[in-house]
Amino acid sequence: MDTIFTLLMVLIMVASVLLVIIVMAQNPKGGGLSSTFGGASSAQFGVQRTNDFMEKATWTLGGTIIVLILLSVVITGKPGQSGPAQQQPVKKEAPAKQSAPASSTTTTPAQAPAK
């Protein structure tokens, strides 16, 4: 699951960068990229097609980012969690008691008799 989560994060970043590039290429008054390259001679066909492409690309990338983010939240499980929900926390086991060796060389002192 960790590789799927990482792949989703990379796809979100790539789609975000592409969205920024496409939005920056558009002209806010409707001229956009088509008026820069097309000129008056291609105003009949090129302007409308370029604007349509830019608008469709903007909406598609925006929708893709939303879907990828929602998918990553579903895979993660909790919005605040930083990794996939399928990971189980590592349980620390109690250290095993060390038993005395079978042939012990130490002896216990004899108890003195009570008076």
Protein backbone atom coordinates (compact mmCIF):
# COMPACT_ATOMS: atom_id res chain seq x y z
CA MET A 1 0.00 0.00 0.00
CA ASP A 2 2.92 2.31 0.62
CA THR A 3 3.90 2.27 -3.06
CA ILE A 4 0.33 3.07 -4.13
CA PHE A 5 0.24 6.01 -1.72
CA THR A 6 3.57 7.30 -3.02
CA LEU A 7 2.41 6.91 -6.62
CA LEU A 8 -0.75 8.90 -5.86
CA MET A 9 1.29 11.68 -4.28
CA VAL A 10 3.56 11.89 -7.33
CA LEU A 11 0.54 11.98 -9.68
CA ILE A 12 -1.04 14.76 -7.60
CA MET A 13 2.14 16.81 -7.81
CA VAL A 14 2.50 16.32 -11.58
CA ALA A 15 -1.15 17.22 -12.20
CA SER A 16 -0.78 20.31 -9.99
CA VAL A 17 2.26 21.55 -11.89
CA LEU A 18 0.51 20.98 -15.23
CA LEU A 19 -2.55 22.85 -13.96
CA VAL A 20 -0.42 25.81 -12.95
CA ILE A 21 1.26 25.87 -16.36
CA ILE A 22 -2.06 25.73 -18.23
CA VAL A 23 -3.66 28.42 -16.08
CA MET A 24 -0.63 30.68 -16.51
CA ALA A 25 -0.76 30.22 -20.30
CA GLN A 26 -4.33 31.48 -20.45
CA ASN A 27 -5.09 35.14 -20.93
CA PRO A 28 -7.68 36.41 -18.46
CA LYS A 29 -9.44 38.42 -21.18
CA GLY A 30 -9.92 35.48 -23.51
CA GLY A 31 -6.95 36.00 -25.84
CA GLY A 32 -4.68 33.46 -24.20
CA LEU A 33 -2.14 31.39 -26.03
CA SER A 34 -4.06 31.49 -29.28
CA SER A 35 -3.70 35.26 -29.73
CA THR A 36 0.02 35.08 -29.10
CA PHE A 37 0.73 32.49 -31.78
CA GLY A 38 -2.24 32.76 -34.10
CA GLY A 39 -2.58 36.39 -35.05
CA ALA A 40 -5.49 37.69 -37.10
CA SER A 41 -5.18 35.11 -39.87
CA SER A 42 -6.09 32.15 -37.69
CA ALA A 43 -8.82 33.91 -35.76
CA GLN A 44 -11.40 31.95 -37.69
CA PHE A 45 -10.37 28.45 -36.51
CA GLY A 46 -7.41 28.49 -34.10
CA VAL A 47 -8.64 30.79 -31.36
CA GLN A 48 -11.76 28.88 -30.47
CA ARG A 49 -10.06 25.49 -30.61
CA THR A 50 -7.14 26.61 -28.43
CA ASN A 51 -9.45 28.20 -25.87
CA ASP A 52 -11.61 25.07 -25.81
CA PHE A 53 -8.55 22.90 -25.29
CA MET A 54 -7.23 25.11 -22.48
CA GLU A 55 -10.59 25.19 -20.75
CA LYS A 56 -11.08 21.43 -21.04
CA ALA A 57 -7.54 20.79 -19.83
CA THR A 58 -8.07 23.08 -16.84
CA TRP A 59 -11.29 21.35 -15.79
CA THR A 60 -9.88 17.89 -16.43
CA LEU A 61 -6.72 18.49 -14.40
CA GLY A 62 -8.71 20.10 -11.59
CA GLY A 63 -11.07 17.13 -11.44
CA THR A 64 -8.16 14.71 -11.62
CA ILE A 65 -6.46 16.38 -8.66
CA ILE A 66 -9.66 16.21 -6.60
CA VAL A 67 -10.19 12.53 -7.41
CA LEU A 68 -6.55 11.65 -6.62
CA ILE A 69 -6.70 13.50 -3.30
CA LEU A 70 -9.92 11.74 -2.30
CA LEU A 71 -8.44 8.40 -3.32
CA SER A 72 -5.34 9.02 -1.23
CA VAL A 73 -7.50 9.87 1.80
CA VAL A 74 -9.47 6.65 1.34
CA ILE A 75 -6.26 4.63 1.14
CA THR A 76 -4.75 6.45 4.12
CA GLY A 77 -7.81 5.95 6.28
CA LYS A 78 -7.56 9.15 8.35
CA PRO A 79 -6.93 12.66 6.99
CA GLY A 80 -4.27 13.41 9.61
CA GLN A 81 -2.35 10.18 9.18
CA SER A 82 0.84 10.42 7.17
CA GLY A 83 0.97 6.93 5.70
CA PRO A 84 -1.27 4.14 4.53
CA ALA A 85 -3.81 2.88 7.06
CA GLN A 86 -2.92 -0.74 6.37
CA GLN A 87 0.38 -0.45 8.21
CA GLN A 88 0.22 -1.99 11.64
CA PRO A 89 2.21 -0.41 14.44
CA VAL A 90 5.27 -2.36 15.38
CA LYS A 91 4.71 -4.08 18.70
CA LYS A 92 7.69 -4.27 20.96
CA GLU A 93 7.94 -7.63 22.61
CA ALA A 94 9.05 -7.90 26.19
CA PRO A 95 12.62 -9.11 26.40
CA ALA A 96 12.82 -12.81 27.12
CA LYS A 97 13.94 -13.70 30.61
CA GLN A 98 17.40 -15.08 30.62
CA SER A 99 17.54 -18.33 32.45
CA ALA A 100 20.56 -19.36 34.42
CA PRO A 101 22.93 -21.63 32.56
CA ALA A 102 22.53 -25.34 33.26
CA SER A 103 25.97 -25.73 34.79
CA SER A 104 26.28 -22.84 37.15
CA THR A 105 29.61 -22.31 38.85
CA THR A 106 28.30 -19.93 41.45
CA THR A 107 27.10 -21.30 44.74
CA THR A 108 24.96 -19.71 47.35
CA PRO A 109 26.56 -19.20 50.73
CA ALA A 110 25.28 -21.45 53.46
CA GLN A 111 23.08 -19.82 56.00
CA ALA A 112 24.42 -19.49 59.46
CA PRO A 113 22.35 -21.30 62.10
CA ALA A 114 20.16 -19.12 64.23
CA LYS A 115 21.20 -18.80 67.93
